Amino acid sequence: MELIVPIQSICVYCGSQPGRDPAYIAAGRALGKSIAAHGLRLVYGGGTKGIMGAVAAGVLENGGRVTGIIPEFLVDMEATRQSLTKLDELIVTEDMHARKHAMFERSDAFVTLPGGIGTLEEIVEIMTWGQLGRHEKPMVFANIGGFWNPMLDLVDHMREQGFIHRAHLVQPMVIDEVADIVPAILDRSEGRTPPQGQEDVISRL
């Protein structure tokens, strides 16, 4: 799979809540640090609470760049207006549809950390667009503590039952270790073979 543009930004989908396992917040902060360390820009949903806030903090605390994209009606639910001033770019959209489109347009790759229904809906839409041939951008499930295993089992079931055609266009990577995520994205964007030990988990989908 070849990309038209180099990786300059990574979109992260994740929960606006912290979740019950402290590992989720830690993973968010570590991913943010990794994005900053590789000189990439974070594009995310603009929230400053929960895992969303942890990812943004991880980037900002390490000198990275952050674009937050949030609909007006969620500003006071997923963030505070004062905290949003810490982002170096903030885009306030009219609705969720505009938010998702803006996130897609500004991102060269997508990573999904643990989250709820909204997080699931976002990455499934990106996978759908991939199946329809609308993009070839890398997609990653950050499978922290096996969080996404039930989802991956469902995708396997749908494929086995003949409902995921053109499967070669839907090839998200499944990566357990946060430190491996950004390097794997960069490897895939440049056509390199994934690091040893990742081939099986990546080929699952």
N, C-alpha and C. Protein backbone atom coordinates (compact mmCIF):
# COMPACT_ATOMS: atom_id res chain seq x y z
N MET A 1 0.84 -1.18 0.00
CA MET A 1 0.00 0.00 0.00
C MET A 1 0.88 1.25 0.00
N GLU A 2 0.72 2.12 -0.98
CA GLU A 2 1.54 3.30 -1.08
C GLU A 2 0.73 4.55 -0.74
N LEU A 3 1.38 5.48 -0.09
CA LEU A 3 0.73 6.73 0.25
C LEU A 3 1.19 7.83 -0.69
N ILE A 4 0.31 8.78 -0.94
CA ILE A 4 0.62 9.89 -1.82
C ILE A 4 1.45 10.94 -1.08
N VAL A 5 1.22 11.12 0.20
CA VAL A 5 1.91 12.14 0.97
C VAL A 5 2.66 11.49 2.13
N PRO A 6 3.76 12.11 2.58
CA PRO A 6 4.48 11.60 3.75
C PRO A 6 3.68 11.85 5.02
N ILE A 7 4.02 11.15 6.07
CA ILE A 7 3.33 11.32 7.34
C ILE A 7 3.80 12.59 8.02
N GLN A 8 2.89 13.53 8.21
CA GLN A 8 3.18 14.76 8.93
C GLN A 8 2.29 14.93 10.15
N SER A 9 1.14 14.25 10.14
CA SER A 9 0.20 14.37 11.26
C SER A 9 -0.48 13.04 11.52
N ILE A 10 -0.81 12.81 12.78
CA ILE A 10 -1.51 11.59 13.18
C ILE A 10 -2.77 11.97 13.93
N CYS A 11 -3.87 11.43 13.48
CA CYS A 11 -5.15 11.62 14.17
C CYS A 11 -5.31 10.53 15.22
N VAL A 12 -5.68 10.94 16.43
CA VAL A 12 -5.90 9.97 17.50
C VAL A 12 -7.36 10.04 17.94
N TYR A 13 -8.03 8.90 17.86
CA TYR A 13 -9.39 8.76 18.38
C TYR A 13 -9.30 8.09 19.74
N CYS A 14 -10.02 8.59 20.72
CA CYS A 14 -9.97 7.99 22.05
C CYS A 14 -11.07 8.57 22.92
N GLY A 15 -11.21 8.04 24.12
CA GLY A 15 -12.28 8.43 25.01
C GLY A 15 -12.06 9.78 25.67
N SER A 16 -13.16 10.48 25.89
CA SER A 16 -13.11 11.73 26.67
C SER A 16 -13.19 11.45 28.16
N GLN A 17 -13.32 10.16 28.50
CA GLN A 17 -13.29 9.69 29.89
C GLN A 17 -11.98 8.94 30.11
N PRO A 18 -11.54 8.81 31.36
CA PRO A 18 -10.27 8.13 31.61
C PRO A 18 -10.34 6.60 31.54
N GLY A 19 -11.55 6.04 31.68
CA GLY A 19 -11.67 4.59 31.75
C GLY A 19 -11.27 4.09 33.12
N ARG A 20 -11.48 2.81 33.37
CA ARG A 20 -11.21 2.25 34.70
C ARG A 20 -9.78 1.78 34.90
N ASP A 21 -9.08 1.52 33.81
CA ASP A 21 -7.71 1.04 33.92
C ASP A 21 -6.74 2.22 33.76
N PRO A 22 -5.91 2.50 34.74
CA PRO A 22 -4.94 3.60 34.62
C PRO A 22 -4.01 3.46 33.42
N ALA A 23 -3.91 2.25 32.88
CA ALA A 23 -3.05 2.03 31.72
C ALA A 23 -3.52 2.81 30.50
N TYR A 24 -4.82 3.13 30.45
CA TYR A 24 -5.34 3.86 29.29
C TYR A 24 -4.82 5.29 29.26
N ILE A 25 -4.87 5.96 30.40
CA ILE A 25 -4.35 7.32 30.49
C ILE A 25 -2.84 7.32 30.23
N ALA A 26 -2.14 6.36 30.81
CA ALA A 26 -0.70 6.27 30.61
C ALA A 26 -0.36 6.06 29.13
N ALA A 27 -1.16 5.24 28.45
CA ALA A 27 -0.94 4.99 27.03
C ALA A 27 -1.17 6.25 26.22
N GLY A 28 -2.20 7.01 26.58
CA GLY A 28 -2.48 8.25 25.87
C GLY A 28 -1.33 9.23 25.99
N ARG A 29 -0.83 9.40 27.21
CA ARG A 29 0.27 10.33 27.42
C ARG A 29 1.53 9.85 26.69
N ALA A 30 1.80 8.55 26.72
CA ALA A 30 2.98 8.00 26.06
C ALA A 30 2.89 8.15 24.54
N LEU A 31 1.69 7.95 23.99
CA LEU A 31 1.52 8.11 22.55
C LEU A 31 1.76 9.58 22.16
N GLY A 32 1.23 10.50 22.97
CA GLY A 32 1.46 11.91 22.70
C GLY A 32 2.94 12.25 22.70
N LYS A 33 3.65 11.72 23.67
CA LYS A 33 5.10 11.95 23.75
C LYS A 33 5.80 11.41 22.51
N SER A 34 5.40 10.24 22.04
CA SER A 34 6.00 9.63 20.87
C SER A 34 5.72 10.45 19.61
N ILE A 35 4.50 10.94 19.49
CA ILE A 35 4.16 11.78 18.34
C ILE A 35 5.05 13.01 18.30
N ALA A 36 5.20 13.66 19.46
CA ALA A 36 6.05 14.84 19.53
C ALA A 36 7.50 14.51 19.22
N ALA A 37 7.99 13.38 19.76
CA ALA A 37 9.38 13.00 19.57
C ALA A 37 9.72 12.75 18.10
N HIS A 38 8.72 12.34 17.32
CA HIS A 38 8.94 12.08 15.91
C HIS A 38 8.65 13.30 15.04
N GLY A 39 8.41 14.43 15.68
CA GLY A 39 8.20 15.67 14.93
C GLY A 39 6.89 15.74 14.17
N LEU A 40 5.89 15.01 14.65
CA LEU A 40 4.60 14.97 13.97
C LEU A 40 3.57 15.82 14.72
N ARG A 41 2.53 16.18 14.02
CA ARG A 41 1.44 16.95 14.63
C ARG A 41 0.31 16.02 15.06
N LEU A 42 -0.23 16.26 16.24
CA LEU A 42 -1.42 15.54 16.69
C LEU A 42 -2.66 16.26 16.20
N VAL A 43 -3.56 15.49 15.60
CA VAL A 43 -4.90 15.97 15.26
C VAL A 43 -5.87 15.14 16.10
N TYR A 44 -6.72 15.79 16.85
CA TYR A 44 -7.63 15.02 17.71
C TYR A 44 -8.90 15.82 17.97
N GLY A 45 -9.78 15.24 18.76
CA GLY A 45 -11.11 15.81 18.94
C GLY A 45 -11.23 17.01 19.83
N GLY A 46 -10.10 17.55 20.32
CA GLY A 46 -10.13 18.81 21.04
C GLY A 46 -10.41 18.74 22.52
N GLY A 47 -10.82 17.59 23.02
CA GLY A 47 -11.12 17.48 24.44
C GLY A 47 -9.88 17.57 25.30
N THR A 48 -10.04 18.10 26.50
CA THR A 48 -8.90 18.20 27.42
C THR A 48 -9.12 17.36 28.66
N LYS A 49 -10.10 16.46 28.59
CA LYS A 49 -10.39 15.56 29.70
C LYS A 49 -10.13 14.13 29.25
N GLY A 50 -10.04 13.22 30.21
CA GLY A 50 -9.91 11.80 29.92
C GLY A 50 -8.67 11.47 29.11
N ILE A 51 -8.79 10.43 28.28
CA ILE A 51 -7.66 10.00 27.47
C ILE A 51 -7.32 11.06 26.43
N MET A 52 -8.33 11.75 25.92
CA MET A 52 -8.07 12.83 24.96
C MET A 52 -7.11 13.86 25.56
N GLY A 53 -7.39 14.26 26.76
CA GLY A 53 -6.54 15.24 27.42
C GLY A 53 -5.14 14.71 27.66
N ALA A 54 -5.03 13.41 27.96
CA ALA A 54 -3.72 12.81 28.20
C ALA A 54 -2.86 12.82 26.94
N VAL A 55 -3.46 12.50 25.80
CA VAL A 55 -2.71 12.50 24.55
C VAL A 55 -2.21 13.91 24.24
N ALA A 56 -3.11 14.89 24.33
CA ALA A 56 -2.74 16.27 24.04
C ALA A 56 -1.64 16.75 24.99
N ALA A 57 -1.77 16.41 26.27
CA ALA A 57 -0.77 16.82 27.24
C ALA A 57 0.58 16.18 26.93
N GLY A 58 0.55 14.91 26.51
CA GLY A 58 1.79 14.23 26.17
C GLY A 58 2.53 14.89 25.03
N VAL A 59 1.78 15.42 24.07
CA VAL A 59 2.39 16.13 22.95
C VAL A 59 2.92 17.49 23.40
N LEU A 60 2.06 18.26 24.06
CA LEU A 60 2.42 19.63 24.43
C LEU A 60 3.58 19.67 25.43
N GLU A 61 3.60 18.74 26.36
CA GLU A 61 4.66 18.73 27.36
C GLU A 61 6.02 18.36 26.77
N ASN A 62 6.00 17.85 25.55
CA ASN A 62 7.25 17.47 24.90
C ASN A 62 7.52 18.31 23.66
N GLY A 63 6.95 19.50 23.64
CA GLY A 63 7.25 20.46 22.59
C GLY A 63 6.61 20.21 21.25
N GLY A 64 5.56 19.36 21.23
CA GLY A 64 4.91 19.05 19.97
C GLY A 64 3.78 20.00 19.61
N ARG A 65 3.18 19.74 18.46
CA ARG A 65 2.12 20.59 17.93
C ARG A 65 0.79 19.85 17.96
N VAL A 66 -0.26 20.58 18.31
CA VAL A 66 -1.58 19.97 18.48
C VAL A 66 -2.65 20.77 17.77
N THR A 67 -3.45 20.07 16.98
CA THR A 67 -4.65 20.65 16.39
C THR A 67 -5.85 19.99 17.02
N GLY A 68 -6.67 20.76 17.72
CA GLY A 68 -7.89 20.26 18.31
C GLY A 68 -9.08 20.68 17.46
N ILE A 69 -9.97 19.74 17.18
CA ILE A 69 -11.15 20.01 16.36
C ILE A 69 -12.37 19.56 17.14
N ILE A 70 -13.22 20.49 17.49
CA ILE A 70 -14.32 20.19 18.39
C ILE A 70 -15.57 20.96 17.98
N PRO A 71 -16.74 20.33 18.00
CA PRO A 71 -17.97 21.07 17.71
C PRO A 71 -18.34 21.97 18.90
N GLU A 72 -18.98 23.06 18.61
CA GLU A 72 -19.31 24.05 19.63
C GLU A 72 -20.07 23.44 20.80
N PHE A 73 -21.00 22.53 20.53
CA PHE A 73 -21.85 22.02 21.60
C PHE A 73 -21.10 21.09 22.57
N LEU A 74 -19.88 20.65 22.19
CA LEU A 74 -19.11 19.76 23.06
C LEU A 74 -18.02 20.49 23.85
N VAL A 75 -17.83 21.78 23.58
CA VAL A 75 -16.73 22.49 24.21
C VAL A 75 -16.78 22.38 25.73
N ASP A 76 -17.95 22.59 26.32
CA ASP A 76 -18.05 22.58 27.77
C ASP A 76 -18.25 21.18 28.35
N MET A 77 -18.44 20.18 27.48
CA MET A 77 -18.59 18.80 27.94
C MET A 77 -17.26 18.06 27.95
N GLU A 78 -16.44 18.27 26.92
CA GLU A 78 -15.20 17.52 26.78
C GLU A 78 -13.97 18.36 27.09
N ALA A 79 -14.16 19.64 27.42
CA ALA A 79 -13.02 20.51 27.69
C ALA A 79 -13.51 21.69 28.53
N THR A 80 -12.61 22.60 28.77
CA THR A 80 -12.97 23.91 29.32
C THR A 80 -12.41 24.95 28.37
N ARG A 81 -13.07 26.06 28.25
CA ARG A 81 -12.64 27.07 27.28
C ARG A 81 -11.24 27.58 27.61
N GLN A 82 -10.90 27.64 28.88
CA GLN A 82 -9.57 28.09 29.26
C GLN A 82 -8.51 27.07 28.85
N SER A 83 -8.80 25.78 29.06
CA SER A 83 -7.81 24.75 28.72
C SER A 83 -7.56 24.68 27.23
N LEU A 84 -8.56 25.03 26.42
CA LEU A 84 -8.39 24.96 24.98
C LEU A 84 -7.39 25.99 24.45
N THR A 85 -7.13 27.03 25.23
CA THR A 85 -6.16 28.04 24.80
C THR A 85 -4.74 27.49 24.78
N LYS A 86 -4.50 26.33 25.41
CA LYS A 86 -3.16 25.73 25.42
C LYS A 86 -2.82 25.07 24.09
N LEU A 87 -3.84 24.77 23.27
CA LEU A 87 -3.60 24.14 21.98
C LEU A 87 -3.07 25.19 21.01
N ASP A 88 -2.12 24.80 20.15
CA ASP A 88 -1.60 25.82 19.23
C ASP A 88 -2.48 26.01 18.01
N GLU A 89 -3.46 25.11 17.82
CA GLU A 89 -4.47 25.33 16.78
C GLU A 89 -5.78 24.74 17.27
N LEU A 90 -6.83 25.53 17.21
CA LEU A 90 -8.16 25.08 17.63
C LEU A 90 -9.15 25.40 16.52
N ILE A 91 -9.90 24.38 16.13
CA ILE A 91 -10.95 24.55 15.12
C ILE A 91 -12.27 24.16 15.75
N VAL A 92 -13.20 25.08 15.80
CA VAL A 92 -14.53 24.83 16.35
C VAL A 92 -15.50 24.67 15.18
N THR A 93 -16.13 23.50 15.10
CA THR A 93 -17.02 23.21 13.98
C THR A 93 -18.48 23.36 14.39
N GLU A 94 -19.33 23.36 13.39
CA GLU A 94 -20.76 23.51 13.64
C GLU A 94 -21.38 22.24 14.19
N ASP A 95 -20.88 21.08 13.73
CA ASP A 95 -21.49 19.81 14.15
C ASP A 95 -20.45 18.68 14.07
N MET A 96 -20.90 17.49 14.43
CA MET A 96 -20.00 16.33 14.45
C MET A 96 -19.53 15.95 13.05
N HIS A 97 -20.42 16.06 12.07
CA HIS A 97 -20.05 15.70 10.71
C HIS A 97 -18.89 16.56 10.23
N ALA A 98 -18.98 17.86 10.46
CA ALA A 98 -17.91 18.77 10.05
C ALA A 98 -16.62 18.47 10.81
N ARG A 99 -16.76 18.12 12.08
CA ARG A 99 -15.58 17.77 12.88
C ARG A 99 -14.86 16.57 12.29
N LYS A 100 -15.59 15.50 12.00
CA LYS A 100 -14.96 14.29 11.49
C LYS A 100 -14.31 14.53 10.13
N HIS A 101 -14.97 15.32 9.29
CA HIS A 101 -14.41 15.61 7.98
C HIS A 101 -13.11 16.41 8.11
N ALA A 102 -13.12 17.39 8.99
CA ALA A 102 -11.92 18.21 9.20
C ALA A 102 -10.78 17.37 9.75
N MET A 103 -11.08 16.45 10.67
CA MET A 103 -10.04 15.58 11.22
C MET A 103 -9.46 14.69 10.13
N PHE A 104 -10.30 14.16 9.28
CA PHE A 104 -9.82 13.31 8.19
C PHE A 104 -8.93 14.10 7.24
N GLU A 105 -9.36 15.27 6.86
CA GLU A 105 -8.62 16.06 5.88
C GLU A 105 -7.24 16.48 6.39
N ARG A 106 -7.11 16.68 7.69
CA ARG A 106 -5.85 17.18 8.25
C ARG A 106 -4.93 16.07 8.74
N SER A 107 -5.31 14.82 8.53
CA SER A 107 -4.54 13.70 9.10
C SER A 107 -3.98 12.79 8.02
N ASP A 108 -2.78 12.29 8.29
CA ASP A 108 -2.12 11.36 7.37
C ASP A 108 -2.18 9.92 7.87
N ALA A 109 -2.62 9.70 9.10
CA ALA A 109 -2.74 8.36 9.68
C ALA A 109 -3.70 8.45 10.86
N PHE A 110 -4.21 7.29 11.29
CA PHE A 110 -5.22 7.25 12.35
C PHE A 110 -4.86 6.19 13.38
N VAL A 111 -4.93 6.58 14.65
CA VAL A 111 -4.69 5.66 15.76
C VAL A 111 -5.90 5.69 16.68
N THR A 112 -6.35 4.52 17.09
CA THR A 112 -7.49 4.43 17.98
C THR A 112 -7.08 3.82 19.32
N LEU A 113 -7.12 4.64 20.35
CA LEU A 113 -6.91 4.19 21.72
C LEU A 113 -8.26 3.75 22.30
N PRO A 114 -8.28 3.19 23.50
CA PRO A 114 -9.55 2.82 24.11
C PRO A 114 -10.53 4.01 24.18
N GLY A 115 -11.78 3.69 24.04
CA GLY A 115 -12.82 4.71 24.09
C GLY A 115 -14.18 4.06 24.01
N GLY A 116 -15.20 4.87 23.86
CA GLY A 116 -16.57 4.38 23.85
C GLY A 116 -17.18 4.35 22.47
N ILE A 117 -18.50 4.53 22.41
CA ILE A 117 -19.23 4.41 21.15
C ILE A 117 -18.75 5.42 20.12
N GLY A 118 -18.50 6.65 20.56
CA GLY A 118 -18.04 7.67 19.63
C GLY A 118 -16.71 7.32 19.01
N THR A 119 -15.79 6.81 19.83
CA THR A 119 -14.48 6.40 19.34
C THR A 119 -14.62 5.27 18.33
N LEU A 120 -15.46 4.30 18.65
CA LEU A 120 -15.69 3.17 17.75
C LEU A 120 -16.27 3.64 16.43
N GLU A 121 -17.23 4.54 16.51
CA GLU A 121 -17.88 5.05 15.29
C GLU A 121 -16.87 5.75 14.39
N GLU A 122 -15.94 6.48 14.99
CA GLU A 122 -14.96 7.23 14.20
C GLU A 122 -14.03 6.31 13.43
N ILE A 123 -13.47 5.30 14.09
CA ILE A 123 -12.53 4.43 13.39
C ILE A 123 -13.24 3.52 12.40
N VAL A 124 -14.47 3.10 12.69
CA VAL A 124 -15.21 2.27 11.74
C VAL A 124 -15.50 3.06 10.47
N GLU A 125 -15.80 4.34 10.61
CA GLU A 125 -16.03 5.16 9.42
C GLU A 125 -14.77 5.26 8.57
N ILE A 126 -13.62 5.43 9.22
CA ILE A 126 -12.36 5.50 8.49
C ILE A 126 -12.08 4.17 7.79
N MET A 127 -12.37 3.05 8.45
CA MET A 127 -12.20 1.74 7.82
C MET A 127 -13.14 1.59 6.64
N THR A 128 -14.37 2.09 6.78
CA THR A 128 -15.34 2.01 5.68
C THR A 128 -14.85 2.80 4.47
N TRP A 129 -14.35 3.99 4.73
CA TRP A 129 -13.83 4.81 3.62
C TRP A 129 -12.65 4.12 2.95
N GLY A 130 -11.83 3.41 3.74
CA GLY A 130 -10.74 2.65 3.15
C GLY A 130 -11.26 1.54 2.25
N GLN A 131 -12.28 0.81 2.71
CA GLN A 131 -12.87 -0.26 1.92
C GLN A 131 -13.45 0.26 0.62
N LEU A 132 -13.95 1.49 0.65
CA LEU A 132 -14.54 2.10 -0.54
C LEU A 132 -13.49 2.77 -1.43
N GLY A 133 -12.23 2.67 -1.02
CA GLY A 133 -11.17 3.22 -1.84
C GLY A 133 -11.01 4.72 -1.75
N ARG A 134 -11.51 5.33 -0.67
CA ARG A 134 -11.44 6.78 -0.54
C ARG A 134 -10.13 7.26 0.07
N HIS A 135 -9.36 6.36 0.65
CA HIS A 135 -8.05 6.74 1.19
C HIS A 135 -7.19 5.51 1.36
N GLU A 136 -5.87 5.73 1.52
CA GLU A 136 -4.91 4.66 1.79
C GLU A 136 -4.05 5.02 2.99
N LYS A 137 -4.60 5.75 3.91
CA LYS A 137 -3.85 6.20 5.08
C LYS A 137 -3.75 5.08 6.11
N PRO A 138 -2.61 4.96 6.78
CA PRO A 138 -2.46 3.90 7.80
C PRO A 138 -3.49 4.05 8.92
N MET A 139 -3.96 2.90 9.41
CA MET A 139 -4.91 2.85 10.52
C MET A 139 -4.37 1.90 11.58
N VAL A 140 -4.48 2.27 12.84
CA VAL A 140 -3.93 1.45 13.92
C VAL A 140 -4.94 1.31 15.05
N PHE A 141 -5.13 0.09 15.51
CA PHE A 141 -5.82 -0.15 16.78
C PHE A 141 -4.74 -0.29 17.84
N ALA A 142 -4.69 0.66 18.78
CA ALA A 142 -3.79 0.56 19.91
C ALA A 142 -4.46 -0.36 20.93
N ASN A 143 -4.06 -1.62 20.90
CA ASN A 143 -4.79 -2.65 21.65
C ASN A 143 -4.27 -2.77 23.08
N ILE A 144 -4.47 -1.71 23.84
CA ILE A 144 -3.96 -1.62 25.21
C ILE A 144 -4.66 -2.64 26.10
N GLY A 145 -3.89 -3.57 26.64
CA GLY A 145 -4.48 -4.59 27.50
C GLY A 145 -5.55 -5.43 26.83
N GLY A 146 -5.47 -5.56 25.50
CA GLY A 146 -6.47 -6.35 24.77
C GLY A 146 -7.81 -5.66 24.64
N PHE A 147 -7.85 -4.34 24.83
CA PHE A 147 -9.13 -3.62 24.84
C PHE A 147 -9.94 -3.86 23.57
N TRP A 148 -9.30 -3.90 22.42
CA TRP A 148 -10.04 -3.99 21.15
C TRP A 148 -10.28 -5.43 20.70
N ASN A 149 -9.92 -6.42 21.48
CA ASN A 149 -10.10 -7.81 21.04
C ASN A 149 -11.54 -8.15 20.66
N PRO A 150 -12.55 -7.74 21.43
CA PRO A 150 -13.93 -8.06 21.01
C PRO A 150 -14.29 -7.45 19.66
N MET A 151 -13.84 -6.23 19.43
CA MET A 151 -14.08 -5.58 18.14
C MET A 151 -13.38 -6.32 17.01
N LEU A 152 -12.15 -6.71 17.24
CA LEU A 152 -11.40 -7.42 16.20
C LEU A 152 -12.01 -8.79 15.92
N ASP A 153 -12.53 -9.43 16.95
CA ASP A 153 -13.22 -10.71 16.74
C ASP A 153 -14.46 -10.52 15.87
N LEU A 154 -15.18 -9.43 16.10
CA LEU A 154 -16.38 -9.15 15.30
C LEU A 154 -16.01 -8.90 13.85
N VAL A 155 -14.94 -8.15 13.62
CA VAL A 155 -14.50 -7.89 12.25
C VAL A 155 -14.10 -9.20 11.57
N ASP A 156 -13.39 -10.06 12.30
CA ASP A 156 -13.04 -11.38 11.75
C ASP A 156 -14.31 -12.14 11.36
N HIS A 157 -15.31 -12.12 12.23
CA HIS A 157 -16.56 -12.82 11.97
C HIS A 157 -17.25 -12.27 10.73
N MET A 158 -17.31 -10.95 10.60
CA MET A 158 -17.95 -10.34 9.44
C MET A 158 -17.23 -10.72 8.15
N ARG A 159 -15.88 -10.76 8.21
CA ARG A 159 -15.13 -11.13 7.02
C ARG A 159 -15.38 -12.59 6.66
N GLU A 160 -15.37 -13.47 7.67
CA GLU A 160 -15.60 -14.90 7.43
C GLU A 160 -16.99 -15.16 6.85
N GLN A 161 -17.95 -14.32 7.20
CA GLN A 161 -19.31 -14.48 6.70
C GLN A 161 -19.55 -13.77 5.37
N GLY A 162 -18.49 -13.21 4.81
CA GLY A 162 -18.58 -12.66 3.47
C GLY A 162 -19.05 -11.23 3.38
N PHE A 163 -18.97 -10.47 4.47
CA PHE A 163 -19.48 -9.11 4.45
C PHE A 163 -18.38 -8.05 4.35
N ILE A 164 -17.14 -8.45 4.40
CA ILE A 164 -16.05 -7.50 4.19
C ILE A 164 -15.34 -7.90 2.91
N HIS A 165 -15.83 -7.34 1.81
CA HIS A 165 -15.19 -7.58 0.54
C HIS A 165 -14.11 -6.51 0.35
N ARG A 166 -13.25 -6.70 -0.62
CA ARG A 166 -12.13 -5.79 -0.85
C ARG A 166 -11.32 -5.64 0.44
N ALA A 167 -11.12 -6.75 1.13
CA ALA A 167 -10.44 -6.73 2.43
C ALA A 167 -9.02 -6.18 2.32
N HIS A 168 -8.43 -6.25 1.13
CA HIS A 168 -7.08 -5.73 0.96
C HIS A 168 -7.02 -4.22 1.17
N LEU A 169 -8.18 -3.56 1.10
CA LEU A 169 -8.24 -2.12 1.33
C LEU A 169 -8.51 -1.78 2.78
N VAL A 170 -8.80 -2.78 3.59
CA VAL A 170 -9.07 -2.57 5.02
C VAL A 170 -8.02 -3.35 5.80
N GLN A 171 -6.89 -2.73 6.06
CA GLN A 171 -5.79 -3.42 6.71
C GLN A 171 -5.25 -2.60 7.88
N PRO A 172 -6.07 -2.39 8.90
CA PRO A 172 -5.53 -1.69 10.08
C PRO A 172 -4.51 -2.54 10.80
N MET A 173 -3.53 -1.89 11.36
CA MET A 173 -2.54 -2.59 12.17
C MET A 173 -3.08 -2.71 13.59
N VAL A 174 -2.76 -3.79 14.24
CA VAL A 174 -3.15 -4.02 15.63
C VAL A 174 -1.87 -4.10 16.44
N ILE A 175 -1.64 -3.11 17.29
CA ILE A 175 -0.37 -3.00 17.99
C ILE A 175 -0.61 -2.87 19.48
N ASP A 176 0.05 -3.70 20.25
CA ASP A 176 -0.16 -3.73 21.70
C ASP A 176 0.67 -2.70 22.45
N GLU A 177 1.87 -2.42 21.98
CA GLU A 177 2.80 -1.55 22.68
C GLU A 177 2.80 -0.15 22.09
N VAL A 178 2.56 0.85 22.93
CA VAL A 178 2.46 2.23 22.45
C VAL A 178 3.74 2.66 21.74
N ALA A 179 4.89 2.25 22.26
CA ALA A 179 6.16 2.67 21.67
C ALA A 179 6.34 2.21 20.23
N ASP A 180 5.59 1.18 19.82
CA ASP A 180 5.73 0.63 18.47
C ASP A 180 4.82 1.32 17.45
N ILE A 181 3.87 2.13 17.92
CA ILE A 181 2.82 2.64 17.03
C ILE A 181 3.36 3.61 15.98
N VAL A 182 4.00 4.69 16.41
CA VAL A 182 4.47 5.68 15.44
C VAL A 182 5.51 5.08 14.49
N PRO A 183 6.51 4.32 15.00
CA PRO A 183 7.45 3.70 14.06
C PRO A 183 6.77 2.80 13.03
N ALA A 184 5.73 2.06 13.45
CA ALA A 184 5.02 1.18 12.51
C ALA A 184 4.31 1.99 11.43
N ILE A 185 3.72 3.11 11.83
CA ILE A 185 3.06 3.98 10.85
C ILE A 185 4.06 4.51 9.84
N LEU A 186 5.21 4.96 10.32
CA LEU A 186 6.23 5.49 9.42
C LEU A 186 6.78 4.41 8.51
N ASP A 187 6.94 3.19 9.06
CA ASP A 187 7.41 2.07 8.23
C ASP A 187 6.41 1.78 7.12
N ARG A 188 5.14 1.72 7.46
CA ARG A 188 4.13 1.39 6.45
C ARG A 188 4.05 2.49 5.40
N SER A 189 4.15 3.74 5.82
CA SER A 189 4.04 4.84 4.85
C SER A 189 5.19 4.84 3.86
N GLU A 190 6.32 4.27 4.26
CA GLU A 190 7.49 4.22 3.39
C GLU A 190 7.68 2.86 2.75
N GLY A 191 6.68 1.99 2.94
CA GLY A 191 6.71 0.69 2.28
C GLY A 191 7.66 -0.31 2.90
N ARG A 192 8.09 -0.04 4.15
CA ARG A 192 9.00 -0.97 4.82
C ARG A 192 8.23 -2.09 5.50
N THR A 193 8.89 -3.21 5.72
CA THR A 193 8.30 -4.35 6.41
C THR A 193 8.13 -4.02 7.88
N PRO A 194 7.00 -4.38 8.50
CA PRO A 194 6.82 -4.14 9.93
C PRO A 194 7.90 -4.82 10.74
N PRO A 195 8.23 -4.28 11.92
CA PRO A 195 9.24 -4.90 12.78
C PRO A 195 8.91 -6.36 13.08
N GLN A 196 9.93 -7.18 13.27
CA GLN A 196 9.73 -8.60 13.55
C GLN A 196 8.85 -8.78 14.78
N GLY A 197 7.87 -9.68 14.64
CA GLY A 197 6.95 -9.92 15.75
C GLY A 197 5.62 -9.24 15.57
N GLN A 198 5.55 -8.26 14.66
CA GLN A 198 4.29 -7.57 14.43
C GLN A 198 3.51 -8.15 13.24
N GLU A 199 4.18 -8.96 12.41
CA GLU A 199 3.53 -9.41 11.19
C GLU A 199 2.21 -10.14 11.45
N ASP A 200 2.22 -11.04 12.45
CA ASP A 200 1.01 -11.84 12.71
C ASP A 200 -0.13 -10.97 13.19
N VAL A 201 0.15 -10.08 14.13
CA VAL A 201 -0.92 -9.28 14.69
C VAL A 201 -1.44 -8.29 13.67
N ILE A 202 -0.56 -7.78 12.80
CA ILE A 202 -0.98 -6.84 11.76
C ILE A 202 -1.82 -7.55 10.71
N SER A 203 -1.46 -8.77 10.37
CA SER A 203 -2.17 -9.47 9.31
C SER A 203 -3.50 -10.03 9.76
N ARG A 204 -3.83 -9.88 11.04
CA ARG A 204 -5.08 -10.44 11.55
C ARG A 204 -6.28 -9.91 10.78
N LEU A 205 -6.23 -8.62 10.43
CA LEU A 205 -7.33 -8.05 9.65
C LEU A 205 -7.03 -8.03 8.17
